[in-house]
């Protein structure tokens, strides 16, 4: 479910080590937190770029990481 006013968008690409032996690449992604401004998250919402949204990776399916809302902060500029 998407929050009202937030588009379904690809936030970022992130590097991760390949799976090798007992170390699984999905385990190193799970729990990772990404920050993005609301202005970058929505098209045409540059007025809200002072809000910073945080998303945490909860589930990995193939090359896709599914996130949940983790928090919100404001810029101090």
PDB file of N, CA and C in Angstrom:
ATOM      1  N   UNK A   1       0.847  -1.177   0.000  1.00  0.00           N
ATOM      2  CA  UNK A   1       0.000   0.000   0.000  1.00  0.00           C
ATOM      3  C   UNK A   1       0.887   1.234   0.000  1.00  0.00           C
ATOM      4  N   UNK A   2       0.549   2.173  -0.836  1.00  0.00           N
ATOM      5  CA  UNK A   2       1.318   3.404  -0.934  1.00  0.00           C
ATOM      6  C   UNK A   2       0.668   4.493  -0.101  1.00  0.00           C
ATOM      7  N   UNK A   3       1.500   5.350   0.439  1.00  0.00           N
ATOM      8  CA  UNK A   3       0.986   6.493   1.188  1.00  0.00           C
ATOM      9  C   UNK A   3       0.360   7.479   0.215  1.00  0.00           C
ATOM     10  N   UNK A   4      -0.659   8.234   0.652  1.00  0.00           N
ATOM     11  CA  UNK A   4      -1.276   9.217  -0.233  1.00  0.00           C
ATOM     12  C   UNK A   4      -0.250  10.255  -0.675  1.00  0.00           C
ATOM     13  N   UNK A   5      -0.200  10.525  -1.960  1.00  0.00           N
ATOM     14  CA  UNK A   5       0.694  11.533  -2.494  1.00  0.00           C
ATOM     15  C   UNK A   5       2.086  11.039  -2.813  1.00  0.00           C
ATOM     16  N   UNK A   6       2.375   9.762  -2.584  1.00  0.00           N
ATOM     17  CA  UNK A   6       3.704   9.213  -2.882  1.00  0.00           C
ATOM     18  C   UNK A   6       3.567   8.242  -4.040  1.00  0.00           C
ATOM     19  N   UNK A   7       4.320   8.489  -5.095  1.00  0.00           N
ATOM     20  CA  UNK A   7       4.284   7.624  -6.271  1.00  0.00           C
ATOM     21  C   UNK A   7       5.084   6.360  -6.026  1.00  0.00           C
ATOM     22  N   UNK A   8       4.760   5.298  -6.766  1.00  0.00           N
ATOM     23  CA  UNK A   8       5.525   4.061  -6.716  1.00  0.00           C
ATOM     24  C   UNK A   8       6.731   4.257  -7.624  1.00  0.00           C
ATOM     25  N   UNK A   9       7.918   4.415  -7.053  1.00  0.00           N
ATOM     26  CA  UNK A   9       9.099   4.754  -7.816  1.00  0.00           C
ATOM     27  C   UNK A   9      10.282   3.901  -7.391  1.00  0.00           C
ATOM     28  N   UNK A  10      11.221   3.756  -8.304  1.00  0.00           N
ATOM     29  CA  UNK A  10      12.500   3.140  -7.975  1.00  0.00           C
ATOM     30  C   UNK A  10      13.350   4.204  -7.316  1.00  0.00           C
ATOM     31  N   UNK A  11      13.738   3.980  -6.075  1.00  0.00           N
ATOM     32  CA  UNK A  11      14.460   5.002  -5.315  1.00  0.00           C
ATOM     33  C   UNK A  11      15.912   5.051  -5.732  1.00  0.00           C
ATOM     34  N   UNK A  12      16.588   3.921  -5.735  1.00  0.00           N
ATOM     35  CA  UNK A  12      18.018   3.928  -6.009  1.00  0.00           C
ATOM     36  C   UNK A  12      18.501   2.544  -6.407  1.00  0.00           C
ATOM     37  N   UNK A  13      19.690   2.496  -6.916  1.00  0.00           N
ATOM     38  CA  UNK A  13      20.407   1.239  -7.126  1.00  0.00           C
ATOM     39  C   UNK A  13      21.492   1.180  -6.076  1.00  0.00           C
ATOM     40  N   UNK A  14      21.754   0.004  -5.554  1.00  0.00           N
ATOM     41  CA  UNK A  14      22.748  -0.117  -4.497  1.00  0.00           C
ATOM     42  C   UNK A  14      23.664  -1.300  -4.765  1.00  0.00           C
ATOM     43  N   UNK A  15      24.948  -1.140  -4.521  1.00  0.00           N
ATOM     44  CA  UNK A  15      25.867  -2.265  -4.725  1.00  0.00           C
ATOM     45  C   UNK A  15      25.781  -3.273  -3.580  1.00  0.00           C
ATOM     46  N   UNK A  16      26.049  -4.519  -3.902  1.00  0.00           N
ATOM     47  CA  UNK A  16      26.080  -5.580  -2.897  1.00  0.00           C
ATOM     48  C   UNK A  16      27.034  -6.667  -3.387  1.00  0.00           C
ATOM     49  N   UNK A  17      27.712  -7.316  -2.467  1.00  0.00           N
ATOM     50  CA  UNK A  17      28.607  -8.422  -2.819  1.00  0.00           C
ATOM     51  C   UNK A  17      27.794  -9.619  -3.290  1.00  0.00           C
ATOM     52  N   UNK A  18      28.372 -10.397  -4.190  1.00  0.00           N
ATOM     53  CA  UNK A  18      27.700 -11.586  -4.685  1.00  0.00           C
ATOM     54  C   UNK A  18      27.648 -12.657  -3.600  1.00  0.00           C
ATOM     55  N   UNK A  19      26.681 -13.549  -3.736  1.00  0.00           N
ATOM     56  CA  UNK A  19      26.586 -14.684  -2.829  1.00  0.00           C
ATOM     57  C   UNK A  19      27.788 -15.595  -3.045  1.00  0.00           C
ATOM     58  N   UNK A  20      28.467 -15.936  -1.946  1.00  0.00           N
ATOM     59  CA  UNK A  20      29.644 -16.805  -2.028  1.00  0.00           C
ATOM     60  C   UNK A  20      29.706 -17.667  -0.777  1.00  0.00           C
ATOM     61  N   UNK A  21      29.699 -18.955  -0.968  1.00  0.00           N
ATOM     62  CA  UNK A  21      29.779 -19.877   0.167  1.00  0.00           C
ATOM     63  C   UNK A  21      28.564 -19.759   1.061  1.00  0.00           C
ATOM     64  N   UNK A  22      28.799 -19.494   2.341  1.00  0.00           N
ATOM     65  CA  UNK A  22      27.704 -19.385   3.302  1.00  0.00           C
ATOM     66  C   UNK A  22      27.156 -17.964   3.422  1.00  0.00           C
ATOM     67  N   UNK A  23      27.796 -17.000   2.763  1.00  0.00           N
ATOM     68  CA  UNK A  23      27.366 -15.601   2.849  1.00  0.00           C
ATOM     69  C   UNK A  23      26.381 -15.318   1.727  1.00  0.00           C
ATOM     70  N   UNK A  24      25.152 -14.963   2.094  1.00  0.00           N
ATOM     71  CA  UNK A  24      24.094 -14.687   1.139  1.00  0.00           C
ATOM     72  C   UNK A  24      23.998 -13.175   0.922  1.00  0.00           C
ATOM     73  N   UNK A  25      23.911 -12.744  -0.333  1.00  0.00           N
ATOM     74  CA  UNK A  25      23.854 -11.313  -0.630  1.00  0.00           C
ATOM     75  C   UNK A  25      22.563 -10.682  -0.103  1.00  0.00           C
ATOM     76  N   UNK A  26      21.470 -11.426  -0.061  1.00  0.00           N
ATOM     77  CA  UNK A  26      20.209 -10.888   0.444  1.00  0.00           C
ATOM     78  C   UNK A  26      20.310 -10.535   1.929  1.00  0.00           C
ATOM     79  N   UNK A  27      21.111 -11.279   2.677  1.00  0.00           N
ATOM     80  CA  UNK A  27      21.260 -10.996   4.102  1.00  0.00           C
ATOM     81  C   UNK A  27      21.958  -9.662   4.348  1.00  0.00           C
ATOM     82  N   UNK A  28      22.871  -9.281   3.454  1.00  0.00           N
ATOM     83  CA  UNK A  28      23.560  -8.003   3.640  1.00  0.00           C
ATOM     84  C   UNK A  28      22.693  -6.821   3.217  1.00  0.00           C
ATOM     85  N   UNK A  29      21.671  -7.053   2.398  1.00  0.00           N
ATOM     86  CA  UNK A  29      20.750  -5.977   1.999  1.00  0.00           C
ATOM     87  C   UNK A  29      19.632  -5.768   3.013  1.00  0.00           C
ATOM     88  N   UNK A  30      19.167  -6.843   3.616  1.00  0.00           N
ATOM     89  CA  UNK A  30      18.045  -6.763   4.547  1.00  0.00           C
ATOM     90  C   UNK A  30      18.411  -5.879   5.736  1.00  0.00           C
ATOM     91  N   UNK A  31      17.573  -4.902   6.016  1.00  0.00           N
ATOM     92  CA  UNK A  31      17.817  -3.990   7.121  1.00  0.00           C
ATOM     93  C   UNK A  31      18.492  -2.697   6.703  1.00  0.00           C
ATOM     94  N   UNK A  32      18.971  -2.608   5.474  1.00  0.00           N
ATOM     95  CA  UNK A  32      19.638  -1.396   4.988  1.00  0.00           C
ATOM     96  C   UNK A  32      18.628  -0.253   4.888  1.00  0.00           C
ATOM     97  N   UNK A  33      19.041   0.948   5.269  1.00  0.00           N
ATOM     98  CA  UNK A  33      18.150   2.115   5.290  1.00  0.00           C
ATOM     99  C   UNK A  33      18.593   3.097   4.203  1.00  0.00           C
ATOM    100  N   UNK A  34      17.621   3.564   3.415  1.00  0.00           N
ATOM    101  CA  UNK A  34      17.858   4.543   2.362  1.00  0.00           C
ATOM    102  C   UNK A  34      17.129   5.831   2.698  1.00  0.00           C
ATOM    103  N   UNK A  35      17.765   6.969   2.390  1.00  0.00           N
ATOM    104  CA  UNK A  35      17.156   8.280   2.604  1.00  0.00           C
ATOM    105  C   UNK A  35      16.974   8.965   1.267  1.00  0.00           C
ATOM    106  N   UNK A  36      15.816   9.609   1.085  1.00  0.00           N
ATOM    107  CA  UNK A  36      15.520  10.339  -0.147  1.00  0.00           C
ATOM    108  C   UNK A  36      14.604  11.499   0.200  1.00  0.00           C
ATOM    109  N   UNK A  37      14.808  12.622  -0.465  1.00  0.00           N
ATOM    110  CA  UNK A  37      13.936  13.765  -0.200  1.00  0.00           C
ATOM    111  C   UNK A  37      12.590  13.533  -0.874  1.00  0.00           C
ATOM    112  N   UNK A  38      11.556  14.103  -0.310  1.00  0.00           N
ATOM    113  CA  UNK A  38      10.210  13.949  -0.862  1.00  0.00           C
ATOM    114  C   UNK A  38      10.134  14.587  -2.236  1.00  0.00           C
ATOM    115  N   UNK A  39      10.906  15.645  -2.458  1.00  0.00           N
ATOM    116  CA  UNK A  39      10.943  16.281  -3.772  1.00  0.00           C
ATOM    117  C   UNK A  39      11.495  15.360  -4.847  1.00  0.00           C
ATOM    118  N   UNK A  40      12.449  14.501  -4.503  1.00  0.00           N
ATOM    119  CA  UNK A  40      12.995  13.535  -5.456  1.00  0.00           C
ATOM    120  C   UNK A  40      12.082  12.329  -5.612  1.00  0.00           C
ATOM    121  N   UNK A  41      11.292  12.049  -4.611  1.00  0.00           N
ATOM    122  CA  UNK A  41      10.422  10.876  -4.614  1.00  0.00           C
ATOM    123  C   UNK A  41       9.184  11.095  -5.496  1.00  0.00           C
ATOM    124  N   UNK A  42       8.677  12.313  -5.537  1.00  0.00           N
ATOM    125  CA  UNK A  42       7.493  12.645  -6.331  1.00  0.00           C
ATOM    126  C   UNK A  42       7.853  13.600  -7.450  1.00  0.00           C
ATOM    127  N   UNK A  43       7.242  13.419  -8.593  1.00  0.00           N
ATOM    128  CA  UNK A  43       7.450  14.332  -9.707  1.00  0.00           C
ATOM    129  C   UNK A  43       6.714  15.636  -9.420  1.00  0.00           C
ATOM    130  N   UNK A  44       7.389  16.748  -9.616  1.00  0.00           N
ATOM    131  CA  UNK A  44       6.759  18.048  -9.453  1.00  0.00           C
ATOM    132  C   UNK A  44       6.534  18.458  -8.009  1.00  0.00           C
ATOM    133  N   UNK A  45       7.236  17.864  -7.064  1.00  0.00           N
ATOM    134  CA  UNK A  45       7.041  18.198  -5.649  1.00  0.00           C
ATOM    135  C   UNK A  45       8.297  18.839  -5.072  1.00  0.00           C
ATOM    136  N   UNK A  46       8.933  19.716  -5.846  1.00  0.00           N
ATOM    137  CA  UNK A  46      10.170  20.339  -5.378  1.00  0.00           C
ATOM    138  C   UNK A  46       9.941  21.204  -4.146  1.00  0.00           C
ATOM    139  N   UNK A  47       8.721  21.658  -3.930  1.00  0.00           N
ATOM    140  CA  UNK A  47       8.425  22.479  -2.756  1.00  0.00           C
ATOM    141  C   UNK A  47       8.567  21.685  -1.468  1.00  0.00           C
ATOM    142  N   UNK A  48       8.469  20.366  -1.545  1.00  0.00           N
ATOM    143  CA  UNK A  48       8.585  19.509  -0.364  1.00  0.00           C
ATOM    144  C   UNK A  48       9.956  18.853  -0.255  1.00  0.00           C
ATOM    145  N   UNK A  49      10.968  19.439  -0.872  1.00  0.00           N
ATOM    146  CA  UNK A  49      12.284  18.805  -0.852  1.00  0.00           C
ATOM    147  C   UNK A  49      12.970  18.918   0.503  1.00  0.00           C
ATOM    148  N   UNK A  50      12.423  19.689   1.428  1.00  0.00           N
ATOM    149  CA  UNK A  50      13.004  19.807   2.770  1.00  0.00           C
ATOM    150  C   UNK A  50      12.648  18.622   3.655  1.00  0.00           C
ATOM    151  N   UNK A  51      11.710  17.800   3.228  1.00  0.00           N
ATOM    152  CA  UNK A  51      11.357  16.582   3.966  1.00  0.00           C
ATOM    153  C   UNK A  51      12.185  15.419   3.447  1.00  0.00           C
ATOM    154  N   UNK A  52      12.813  14.697   4.346  1.00  0.00           N
ATOM    155  CA  UNK A  52      13.639  13.542   3.975  1.00  0.00           C
ATOM    156  C   UNK A  52      12.957  12.287   4.496  1.00  0.00           C
ATOM    157  N   UNK A  53      12.647  11.374   3.582  1.00  0.00           N
ATOM    158  CA  UNK A  53      12.000  10.118   3.942  1.00  0.00           C
ATOM    159  C   UNK A  53      13.053   9.026   4.054  1.00  0.00           C
ATOM    160  N   UNK A  54      12.849   8.106   4.988  1.00  0.00           N
ATOM    161  CA  UNK A  54      13.752   6.971   5.172  1.00  0.00           C
ATOM    162  C   UNK A  54      12.972   5.686   4.951  1.00  0.00           C
ATOM    163  N   UNK A  55      13.585   4.779   4.206  1.00  0.00           N
ATOM    164  CA  UNK A  55      12.978   3.490   3.911  1.00  0.00           C
ATOM    165  C   UNK A  55      13.952   2.388   4.282  1.00  0.00           C
ATOM    166  N   UNK A  56      13.437   1.303   4.883  1.00  0.00           N
ATOM    167  CA  UNK A  56      14.263   0.165   5.282  1.00  0.00           C
ATOM    168  C   UNK A  56      13.886  -1.048   4.453  1.00  0.00           C
ATOM    169  N   UNK A  57      14.895  -1.766   3.956  1.00  0.00           N
ATOM    170  CA  UNK A  57      14.674  -2.965   3.146  1.00  0.00           C
ATOM    171  C   UNK A  57      14.176  -4.089   4.057  1.00  0.00           C
ATOM    172  N   UNK A  58      13.021  -4.656   3.692  1.00  0.00           N
ATOM    173  CA  UNK A  58      12.440  -5.752   4.471  1.00  0.00           C
ATOM    174  C   UNK A  58      12.453  -7.079   3.731  1.00  0.00           C
ATOM    175  N   UNK A  59      12.323  -7.026   2.409  1.00  0.00           N
ATOM    176  CA  UNK A  59      12.192  -8.263   1.642  1.00  0.00           C
ATOM    177  C   UNK A  59      12.928  -8.126   0.322  1.00  0.00           C
ATOM    178  N   UNK A  60      13.554  -9.199  -0.126  1.00  0.00           N
ATOM    179  CA  UNK A  60      14.282  -9.211  -1.387  1.00  0.00           C
ATOM    180  C   UNK A  60      13.709 -10.313  -2.253  1.00  0.00           C
ATOM    181  N   UNK A  61      13.307  -9.959  -3.481  1.00  0.00           N
ATOM    182  CA  UNK A  61      12.811 -10.935  -4.455  1.00  0.00           C
ATOM    183  C   UNK A  61      13.566 -10.691  -5.761  1.00  0.00           C
ATOM    184  N   UNK A  62      14.441 -11.594  -6.112  1.00  0.00           N
ATOM    185  CA  UNK A  62      15.227 -11.426  -7.332  1.00  0.00           C
ATOM    186  C   UNK A  62      16.146 -10.230  -7.217  1.00  0.00           C
ATOM    187  N   UNK A  63      15.985  -9.273  -8.130  1.00  0.00           N
ATOM    188  CA  UNK A  63      16.779  -8.050  -8.108  1.00  0.00           C
ATOM    189  C   UNK A  63      16.033  -6.891  -7.470  1.00  0.00           C
ATOM    190  N   UNK A  64      14.871  -7.134  -6.882  1.00  0.00           N
ATOM    191  CA  UNK A  64      14.051  -6.079  -6.282  1.00  0.00           C
ATOM    192  C   UNK A  64      14.107  -6.142  -4.765  1.00  0.00           C
ATOM    193  N   UNK A  65      14.259  -4.981  -4.146  1.00  0.00           N
ATOM    194  CA  UNK A  65      14.211  -4.864  -2.691  1.00  0.00           C
ATOM    195  C   UNK A  65      12.938  -4.127  -2.328  1.00  0.00           C
ATOM    196  N   UNK A  66      12.138  -4.701  -1.478  1.00  0.00           N
ATOM    197  CA  UNK A  66      10.891  -4.089  -1.049  1.00  0.00           C
ATOM    198  C   UNK A  66      11.112  -3.429   0.309  1.00  0.00           C
ATOM    199  N   UNK A  67      10.674  -2.193   0.410  1.00  0.00           N
ATOM    200  CA  UNK A  67      10.960  -1.385   1.589  1.00  0.00           C
ATOM    201  C   UNK A  67       9.690  -1.017   2.331  1.00  0.00           C
ATOM    202  N   UNK A  68       9.866  -0.631   3.574  1.00  0.00           N
ATOM    203  CA  UNK A  68       8.814  -0.056   4.403  1.00  0.00           C
ATOM    204  C   UNK A  68       9.281   1.301   4.888  1.00  0.00           C
ATOM    205  N   UNK A  69       8.319   2.141   5.192  1.00  0.00           N
ATOM    206  CA  UNK A  69       8.627   3.462   5.719  1.00  0.00           C
ATOM    207  C   UNK A  69       9.345   3.303   7.051  1.00  0.00           C
ATOM    208  N   UNK A  70      10.461   4.014   7.223  1.00  0.00           N
ATOM    209  CA  UNK A  70      11.293   3.882   8.417  1.00  0.00           C
ATOM    210  C   UNK A  70      11.299   5.157   9.252  1.00  0.00           C
ATOM    211  N   UNK A  71      11.025   6.286   8.622  1.00  0.00           N
ATOM    212  CA  UNK A  71      11.000   7.532   9.367  1.00  0.00           C
ATOM    213  C   UNK A  71      11.060   8.742   8.447  1.00  0.00           C
ATOM    214  N   UNK A  72      10.903   9.911   9.044  1.00  0.00           N
ATOM    215  CA  UNK A  72      10.970  11.153   8.290  1.00  0.00           C
ATOM    216  C   UNK A  72      11.791  12.144   9.082  1.00  0.00           C
ATOM    217  N   UNK A  73      12.549  12.968   8.389  1.00  0.00           N
ATOM    218  CA  UNK A  73      13.376  13.990   9.008  1.00  0.00           C
ATOM    219  C   UNK A  73      13.249  15.248   8.170  1.00  0.00           C
ATOM    220  N   UNK A  74      13.793  16.337   8.637  1.00  0.00           N
ATOM    221  CA  UNK A  74      13.811  17.568   7.850  1.00  0.00           C
ATOM    222  C   UNK A  74      15.249  17.999   7.674  1.00  0.00           C
ATOM    223  N   UNK A  75      15.496  18.706   6.557  1.00  0.00           N
ATOM    224  CA  UNK A  75      16.841  19.209   6.322  1.00  0.00           C
ATOM    225  C   UNK A  75      17.080  20.431   7.198  1.00  0.00           C
ATOM    226  N   UNK A  76      18.320  20.691   7.476  1.00  0.00           N
ATOM    227  CA  UNK A  76      18.654  21.806   8.357  1.00  0.00           C
ATOM    228  C   UNK A  76      19.308  22.953   7.588  1.00  0.00           C
ATOM    229  N   UNK A  77      19.000  23.033   6.297  1.00  0.00           N
ATOM    230  CA  UNK A  77      19.574  24.089   5.477  1.00  0.00           C
ATOM    231  C   UNK A  77      18.857  25.412   5.699  1.00  0.00           C
TER     232      UNK A  77
END
